[in-house]
Amino acid sequence: MKKQIFAAALSAAILCSAAAAGWTASAEIRPDIDVVIDGTERTFYNASGAEVHPISYQDTTYLPVRAIGELMGKNVNWDASTQTVSIGGTRVTGTTDGKDDKNARADDITLTVRPEYTVVIDGVTRTFYDAKGREVDPVEYQGSIYLPVRAIGELMGKTVSWNENTQTVTLTGGSTVTDFDTSGPTGQTNPSTGAVSLDKAKQIALDHAGLSASDVQFIKSETDRDDGRTIYEIEFVVKSGNTWKEYDYEIDAATGKIVDYDYDAETSYTGNQSSNASIGMNQAKQIALDHAGLSFSDVQFVKTRADRDDGRLVYEIEFVVKNGSTVKEYDYEIDAATGKIVDYDYDVESTYDWDDDHDDWDDDDDDWDD
């Protein structure tokens, strides 16, 4: 019996270790894919000046993050201690003068999928999704971090389209990692979205409510898009006698203007009394995967978000796993304060709209969904 328990514990440890370190996957380097941004064909270089090319992985085109940051005029920082890449602030390095790789050709490669990497854009931790709403992870190849072109378009505020005939991606409108501008603790990129940082937006909300940061417990602070503009969604609660008041704000990230706000009074609130949840989203994912007996490489995440249920902060996690001709769909609610599984279920479907064939693109007009 002890041997069985030890074996189970060892298997779980190995599983967690594999998930934490990412996993390798087959992909294709695609120097034949042209990238056109606002009418100009672009060539990308890493921090050392070597040309880096688009990558095709699971029928989705990936582009290098540092090179895109350079085009945006933003600094790209790598924090090895927290495995965080941050994009924001004013660039502290000049434009890279690179050397074209004239011998480049399409070829099979092995990259590393990096669900453990955190991406912070202008001070806000971001999660990226494909056109079907399924979560996608950064990938790493030869020291460069890549994101799907859909996510890149989202960062740049541009519409992304694909021309199959010319093999062209167009963007228009609006510590093995070695490819970065600076290296240090996350936050040194002087992050800001437009004119207002997330911290500034929080302060705007607190000032409007007549409160201070020490008075409240923040439940949610994240970026979103509303009517074509970037906004901060900020939610916090404060105790008043035997009741809790819940405040919700939407703040324009460019101007700092309060777009919308409201508050509700509740007779009870069972949220974590500290300013932060005891566990993070990645830990909640691992709890769900361990319960299901699966690993990161087995599944495709469909939804991961924080929400409130009966006054407590929970993580809603949904993922699917393909098994022959069927797909199992798992749904979990995990208490953010304790890590306890509040609710779960799974369904077996005979068909599922799986991401098999460039379904990151809108088949009607070749534009990505907003």
Protein backbone atom coordinates (compact mmCIF):
# COMPACT_ATOMS: atom_id res chain seq x y z
CA MET A 1 0.00 0.00 0.00
CA LYS A 2 2.86 2.38 0.91
CA LYS A 3 4.51 1.62 -2.42
CA GLN A 4 1.29 2.46 -4.25
CA ILE A 5 0.95 5.75 -2.37
CA PHE A 6 4.59 6.61 -3.07
CA ALA A 7 4.16 5.76 -6.76
CA ALA A 8 1.04 7.93 -7.00
CA ALA A 9 2.80 10.82 -5.28
CA LEU A 10 5.82 10.44 -7.54
CA SER A 11 3.61 10.41 -10.64
CA ALA A 12 1.83 13.54 -9.47
CA ALA A 13 5.15 15.28 -8.83
CA ILE A 14 6.42 14.36 -12.27
CA LEU A 15 3.17 15.56 -13.82
CA CYS A 16 3.35 18.92 -12.03
CA SER A 17 7.01 19.29 -12.96
CA ALA A 18 6.28 18.63 -16.63
CA ALA A 19 3.43 21.12 -16.63
CA ALA A 20 5.58 23.77 -14.95
CA ALA A 21 8.36 23.34 -17.51
CA GLY A 22 6.13 23.40 -20.59
CA TRP A 23 6.32 20.78 -23.30
CA THR A 24 7.82 20.39 -26.74
CA ALA A 25 5.73 20.28 -29.90
CA SER A 26 6.29 19.98 -33.62
CA ALA A 27 5.87 23.13 -35.70
CA GLU A 28 7.16 24.69 -38.90
CA ILE A 29 9.38 27.71 -39.45
CA ARG A 30 7.84 29.78 -42.26
CA PRO A 31 10.13 32.37 -43.88
CA ASP A 32 7.81 32.18 -46.89
CA ILE A 33 5.01 33.90 -44.95
CA ASP A 34 5.08 37.66 -45.52
CA VAL A 35 3.94 39.98 -42.73
CA VAL A 36 2.54 43.33 -43.84
CA ILE A 37 1.82 45.98 -41.19
CA ASP A 38 -0.03 49.12 -42.29
CA GLY A 39 1.01 48.53 -45.91
CA THR A 40 4.71 47.87 -45.22
CA GLU A 41 6.26 44.41 -45.40
CA ARG A 42 8.21 43.77 -42.21
CA THR A 43 11.29 41.69 -41.43
CA PHE A 44 11.89 40.71 -37.80
CA TYR A 45 15.20 40.43 -35.92
CA ASN A 46 16.06 39.22 -32.45
CA ALA A 47 18.08 41.29 -29.96
CA SER A 48 21.32 39.94 -31.46
CA GLY A 49 20.38 41.04 -34.98
CA ALA A 50 19.60 37.59 -36.39
CA GLU A 51 16.51 37.39 -38.58
CA VAL A 52 13.58 35.56 -36.97
CA HIS A 53 10.70 34.17 -39.01
CA PRO A 54 7.01 33.48 -38.49
CA ILE A 55 6.16 30.07 -37.08
CA SER A 56 3.20 27.91 -38.01
CA TYR A 57 1.91 25.88 -35.07
CA GLN A 58 -1.46 24.08 -35.01
CA ASP A 59 -2.44 25.98 -38.17
CA THR A 60 -1.88 29.33 -36.48
CA THR A 61 0.85 31.85 -37.35
CA TYR A 62 3.05 33.02 -34.45
CA LEU A 63 5.22 36.16 -34.44
CA PRO A 64 8.14 37.13 -32.13
CA VAL A 65 7.14 39.33 -29.19
CA ARG A 66 10.32 41.45 -28.89
CA ALA A 67 10.31 42.40 -32.56
CA ILE A 68 6.66 43.40 -32.34
CA GLY A 69 7.41 45.48 -29.23
CA GLU A 70 10.08 47.27 -31.23
CA LEU A 71 7.58 48.13 -33.96
CA MET A 72 5.17 49.42 -31.30
CA GLY A 73 7.87 51.59 -29.74
CA LYS A 74 7.53 49.73 -26.44
CA ASN A 75 10.14 48.09 -24.26
CA VAL A 76 10.14 44.30 -23.84
CA ASN A 77 11.46 43.07 -20.50
CA TRP A 78 12.13 39.49 -19.38
CA ASP A 79 11.97 38.66 -15.66
CA ALA A 80 13.55 35.21 -15.31
CA SER A 81 12.68 34.95 -11.61
CA THR A 82 8.93 35.07 -12.30
CA GLN A 83 9.04 33.89 -15.93
CA THR A 84 7.27 37.07 -17.02
CA VAL A 85 7.59 38.98 -20.27
CA SER A 86 6.41 42.59 -20.01
CA ILE A 87 5.65 44.94 -22.87
CA GLY A 88 5.12 48.62 -22.11
CA GLY A 89 6.54 52.03 -21.46
CA THR A 90 9.09 53.78 -23.67
CA ARG A 91 11.82 51.75 -25.34
CA VAL A 92 15.20 51.92 -23.64
CA THR A 93 17.08 50.44 -26.60
CA GLY A 94 17.28 51.54 -30.22
CA THR A 95 16.04 49.77 -33.32
CA THR A 96 17.91 46.55 -34.06
CA ASP A 97 19.97 46.58 -37.25
CA GLY A 98 19.66 42.98 -38.39
CA LYS A 99 21.14 40.77 -41.03
CA ASP A 100 18.80 39.04 -43.46
CA ASP A 101 18.90 35.27 -43.56
CA LYS A 102 19.01 34.71 -47.32
CA ASN A 103 19.25 30.92 -46.96
CA ALA A 104 16.09 30.57 -44.89
CA ARG A 105 13.51 28.03 -46.02
CA ALA A 106 10.42 26.42 -44.60
CA ASP A 107 11.38 23.56 -42.32
CA ASP A 108 10.06 21.41 -39.50
CA ILE A 109 11.13 22.54 -36.02
CA THR A 110 10.54 21.65 -32.39
CA LEU A 111 9.35 24.48 -30.15
CA THR A 112 8.34 24.64 -26.50
CA VAL A 113 4.80 25.53 -25.43
CA ARG A 114 5.03 27.78 -22.36
CA PRO A 115 1.79 27.93 -20.33
CA GLU A 116 3.88 28.86 -17.30
CA TYR A 117 5.04 32.13 -18.90
CA THR A 118 3.11 35.24 -17.86
CA VAL A 119 2.57 38.04 -20.37
CA VAL A 120 2.10 41.54 -18.93
CA ILE A 121 0.99 44.27 -21.31
CA ASP A 122 1.14 47.84 -20.04
CA GLY A 123 1.03 46.63 -16.44
CA VAL A 124 -1.85 44.18 -16.86
CA THR A 125 -1.49 40.40 -16.97
CA ARG A 126 -3.06 39.19 -20.18
CA THR A 127 -4.53 35.90 -21.31
CA PHE A 128 -5.02 35.33 -25.03
CA TYR A 129 -7.73 33.42 -26.86
CA ASP A 130 -8.36 32.19 -30.38
CA ALA A 131 -11.44 33.07 -32.44
CA LYS A 132 -13.38 30.28 -30.69
CA GLY A 133 -12.64 31.71 -27.25
CA ARG A 134 -10.10 29.05 -26.33
CA GLU A 135 -6.99 30.01 -24.41
CA VAL A 136 -3.66 29.96 -26.26
CA ASP A 137 -0.19 29.93 -24.69
CA PRO A 138 3.09 31.62 -25.63
CA VAL A 139 5.65 29.43 -27.37
CA GLU A 140 9.44 29.64 -27.30
CA TYR A 141 11.91 28.89 -30.06
CA GLN A 142 15.67 29.54 -30.01
CA GLY A 143 15.34 31.99 -27.12
CA SER A 144 12.52 34.06 -28.61
CA ILE A 145 8.98 34.15 -27.24
CA TYR A 146 6.21 34.04 -29.82
CA LEU A 147 2.49 34.83 -29.62
CA PRO A 148 -0.27 34.02 -32.15
CA VAL A 149 -0.74 36.74 -34.73
CA ARG A 150 -4.31 37.23 -33.48
CA ALA A 151 -2.91 38.17 -30.05
CA ILE A 152 -0.28 40.40 -31.70
CA GLY A 153 -3.05 42.20 -33.59
CA GLU A 154 -4.93 42.66 -30.33
CA LEU A 155 -1.83 44.18 -28.70
CA MET A 156 -1.33 46.58 -31.59
CA GLY A 157 -5.02 47.42 -31.93
CA LYS A 158 -5.06 46.22 -35.51
CA THR A 159 -7.24 44.01 -37.68
CA VAL A 160 -5.52 40.83 -38.86
CA SER A 161 -6.25 39.07 -42.15
CA TRP A 162 -4.79 36.10 -44.04
CA ASN A 163 -4.37 35.74 -47.80
CA GLU A 164 -4.00 32.05 -48.63
CA ASN A 165 -2.99 32.68 -52.25
CA THR A 166 -0.04 34.96 -51.42
CA GLN A 167 0.73 33.45 -48.00
CA THR A 168 0.53 36.90 -46.43
CA VAL A 169 -0.51 38.00 -42.96
CA THR A 170 -1.71 41.61 -42.91
CA LEU A 171 -2.15 43.81 -39.84
CA THR A 172 -3.93 47.10 -40.44
CA GLY A 173 -5.60 49.91 -38.45
CA GLY A 174 -5.75 51.30 -35.28
CA SER A 175 15.60 31.27 -18.47
CA THR A 176 16.22 30.05 -21.84
CA VAL A 177 14.77 33.26 -23.11
CA THR A 178 17.47 35.44 -24.63
CA ASP A 179 15.47 37.74 -26.92
CA PHE A 180 14.43 40.82 -24.91
CA ASP A 181 15.36 44.51 -24.52
CA THR A 182 16.00 44.53 -20.78
CA SER A 183 16.26 41.96 -18.01
CA GLY A 184 15.04 42.57 -14.50
CA PRO A 185 12.07 42.61 -12.14
CA THR A 186 8.68 42.93 -13.79
CA GLY A 187 7.47 46.52 -13.80
CA GLN A 188 10.65 48.27 -14.94
CA THR A 189 9.08 48.81 -18.37
CA ASN A 190 7.19 51.76 -16.86
CA PRO A 191 3.90 50.24 -18.02
CA SER A 192 1.00 52.32 -19.18
CA THR A 193 -1.90 51.76 -21.56
CA GLY A 194 -2.38 55.04 -23.35
CA ALA A 195 -2.01 57.72 -20.70
CA VAL A 196 -3.26 55.72 -17.70
CA SER A 197 -1.70 52.73 -15.93
CA LEU A 198 -3.71 50.09 -14.09
CA ASP A 199 -2.54 51.45 -10.73
CA LYS A 200 -3.62 54.95 -11.75
CA ALA A 201 -7.02 53.59 -12.83
CA LYS A 202 -7.43 51.92 -9.43
CA GLN A 203 -6.66 55.21 -7.72
CA ILE A 204 -9.19 57.03 -9.91
CA ALA A 205 -11.85 54.54 -8.85
CA LEU A 206 -10.88 54.80 -5.18
CA ASP A 207 -10.90 58.61 -5.29
CA HIS A 208 -14.33 58.57 -6.88
CA ALA A 209 -15.61 56.23 -4.16
CA GLY A 210 -13.95 58.30 -1.44
CA LEU A 211 -11.88 55.34 -0.27
CA SER A 212 -8.22 54.33 0.06
CA ALA A 213 -6.47 51.11 -0.97
CA SER A 214 -6.23 50.03 2.67
CA ASP A 215 -10.03 50.24 3.01
CA VAL A 216 -10.89 47.81 0.24
CA GLN A 217 -10.36 44.34 -1.14
CA PHE A 218 -9.85 44.25 -4.91
CA ILE A 219 -11.80 41.47 -6.61
CA LYS A 220 -10.99 42.19 -10.23
CA SER A 221 -8.64 44.50 -12.13
CA GLU A 222 -8.15 43.74 -15.81
CA THR A 223 -8.25 45.23 -19.30
CA ASP A 224 -11.02 44.72 -21.81
CA ARG A 225 -12.27 46.19 -25.06
CA ASP A 226 -15.54 48.13 -25.25
CA ASP A 227 -16.80 49.80 -28.43
CA GLY A 228 -13.31 49.76 -29.92
CA ARG A 229 -11.52 51.32 -26.94
CA THR A 230 -9.40 49.79 -24.20
CA ILE A 231 -10.88 50.03 -20.71
CA TYR A 232 -9.96 48.87 -17.23
CA GLU A 233 -12.56 46.82 -15.38
CA ILE A 234 -12.05 47.33 -11.64
CA GLU A 235 -14.11 45.74 -8.89
CA PHE A 236 -13.58 45.98 -5.14
CA VAL A 237 -15.51 45.51 -1.90
CA VAL A 238 -15.44 47.35 1.41
CA LYS A 239 -16.99 46.42 4.75
CA SER A 240 -19.41 48.90 6.31
CA GLY A 241 -20.87 47.73 9.61
CA ASN A 242 -22.46 44.34 9.02
CA THR A 243 -22.72 44.83 5.27
CA TRP A 244 -20.33 44.78 2.35
CA LYS A 245 -20.45 47.33 -0.47
CA GLU A 246 -19.34 46.15 -3.90
CA TYR A 247 -18.03 48.75 -6.35
CA ASP A 248 -17.68 48.19 -10.11
CA TYR A 249 -15.87 50.63 -12.39
CA GLU A 250 -15.03 50.86 -16.09
CA ILE A 251 -12.26 53.37 -16.79
CA ASP A 252 -11.01 54.53 -20.19
CA ALA A 253 -7.35 53.46 -20.43
CA ALA A 254 -6.43 56.37 -22.71
CA THR A 255 -8.07 59.25 -20.82
CA GLY A 256 -8.74 58.00 -17.28
CA LYS A 257 -12.39 58.95 -17.64
CA ILE A 258 -14.90 56.84 -15.70
CA VAL A 259 -17.02 55.20 -18.39
CA ASP A 260 -19.42 53.41 -16.04
CA TYR A 261 -19.76 52.57 -12.37
CA ASP A 262 -22.20 51.16 -9.83
CA TYR A 263 -22.21 49.64 -6.37
CA ASP A 264 -24.34 47.18 -4.42
CA ALA A 265 -24.68 46.56 -0.70
CA GLU A 266 -24.68 42.95 0.50
CA THR A 267 -25.57 41.66 3.95
CA SER A 268 -22.84 39.03 3.87
CA TYR A 269 -19.60 38.44 2.05
CA THR A 270 -17.37 35.39 2.38
CA GLY A 271 -14.45 36.49 0.23
CA ASN A 272 -10.83 36.26 1.29
CA GLN A 273 -10.14 39.08 3.74
CA SER A 274 -6.65 39.65 2.38
CA SER A 275 -6.02 41.93 -0.59
CA ASN A 276 -5.27 38.99 -2.88
CA ALA A 277 -6.54 35.49 -3.51
CA SER A 278 -4.49 32.78 -1.83
CA ILE A 279 -3.97 30.91 -5.09
CA GLY A 280 -3.41 32.16 -8.63
CA MET A 281 -5.04 31.12 -11.87
CA ASN A 282 -2.18 28.79 -12.86
CA GLN A 283 -2.42 26.96 -9.53
CA ALA A 284 -6.19 26.67 -9.95
CA LYS A 285 -5.64 25.17 -13.41
CA GLN A 286 -3.25 22.62 -11.94
CA ILE A 287 -5.75 21.69 -9.22
CA ALA A 288 -8.40 21.05 -11.88
CA LEU A 289 -6.00 19.06 -14.05
CA ASP A 290 -4.83 16.95 -11.09
CA HIS A 291 -8.45 16.19 -10.19
CA ALA A 292 -9.16 15.14 -13.77
CA GLY A 293 -5.94 13.10 -13.96
CA LEU A 294 -4.67 15.13 -16.92
CA SER A 295 -1.75 17.42 -17.77
CA PHE A 296 -1.46 20.74 -19.60
CA SER A 297 -0.32 18.97 -22.76
CA ASP A 298 -3.43 16.76 -22.80
CA VAL A 299 -6.02 19.51 -22.88
CA GLN A 300 -7.16 22.68 -24.60
CA PHE A 301 -8.43 25.40 -22.27
CA VAL A 302 -11.72 26.95 -23.35
CA LYS A 303 -12.34 29.37 -20.48
CA THR A 304 -10.34 30.63 -17.50
CA ARG A 305 -11.64 33.58 -15.56
CA ALA A 306 -12.25 34.91 -12.05
CA ASP A 307 -15.84 35.42 -10.94
CA ARG A 308 -17.91 35.63 -7.80
CA ASP A 309 -20.30 32.96 -6.57
CA ASP A 310 -22.39 33.48 -3.43
CA GLY A 311 -20.09 36.29 -2.34
CA ARG A 312 -16.80 34.44 -2.75
CA LEU A 313 -14.14 34.74 -5.42
CA VAL A 314 -13.88 31.63 -7.59
CA TYR A 315 -11.96 30.61 -10.69
CA GLU A 316 -14.11 29.25 -13.52
CA ILE A 317 -12.02 26.82 -15.56
CA GLU A 318 -13.19 24.90 -18.59
CA PHE A 319 -11.10 22.63 -20.81
CA VAL A 320 -11.58 19.87 -23.36
CA VAL A 321 -9.62 16.75 -24.21
CA LYS A 322 -9.89 14.77 -27.42
CA ASN A 323 -10.26 11.00 -27.11
CA GLY A 324 -10.61 9.30 -30.47
CA SER A 325 -13.81 10.49 -32.10
CA THR A 326 -15.18 12.01 -28.89
CA VAL A 327 -14.32 15.02 -26.80
CA LYS A 328 -14.65 15.31 -23.03
CA GLU A 329 -15.49 18.76 -21.70
CA TYR A 330 -14.56 19.54 -18.09
CA ASP A 331 -15.96 22.46 -16.04
CA TYR A 332 -14.56 23.48 -12.66
CA GLU A 333 -15.21 26.18 -10.07
CA ILE A 334 -12.33 26.55 -7.62
CA ASP A 335 -12.34 28.71 -4.49
CA ALA A 336 -9.62 31.35 -4.94
CA ALA A 337 -9.02 31.60 -1.20
CA THR A 338 -8.70 27.90 -0.33
CA GLY A 339 -8.09 26.06 -3.61
CA LYS A 340 -11.08 23.84 -2.84
CA ILE A 341 -13.09 22.53 -5.80
CA VAL A 342 -16.52 24.11 -5.35
CA ASP A 343 -18.20 22.43 -8.32
CA TYR A 344 -17.25 20.33 -11.31
CA ASP A 345 -18.74 18.22 -14.06
CA TYR A 346 -17.82 16.85 -17.45
CA ASP A 347 -19.68 15.90 -20.61
CA VAL A 348 -18.76 13.60 -23.45
CA GLU A 349 -19.58 14.95 -26.89
CA SER A 350 -19.54 12.98 -30.12
CA THR A 351 -18.65 16.10 -32.09
CA TYR A 352 -16.80 19.26 -31.17
CA ASP A 353 -15.78 22.33 -33.14
CA TRP A 354 -12.07 21.53 -32.79
CA ASP A 355 -9.39 23.94 -33.95
CA ASP A 356 -8.20 21.85 -36.88
CA ASP A 357 -7.94 24.08 -39.93
CA HIS A 358 -7.07 27.78 -39.65
CA ASP A 359 -10.18 28.44 -37.60
CA ASP A 360 -8.46 31.41 -36.04
CA TRP A 361 -9.54 33.13 -39.26
CA ASP A 362 -13.06 34.19 -40.11
CA ASP A 363 -13.94 32.12 -43.19
CA ASP A 364 -16.42 34.68 -44.46
CA ASP A 365 -14.10 37.62 -45.05
CA ASP A 366 -10.63 36.47 -43.89
CA ASP A 367 -10.72 39.00 -41.02
CA TRP A 368 -10.08 37.94 -37.46
CA ASP A 369 -12.99 38.21 -35.07
CA ASP A 370 -12.72 41.16 -32.69
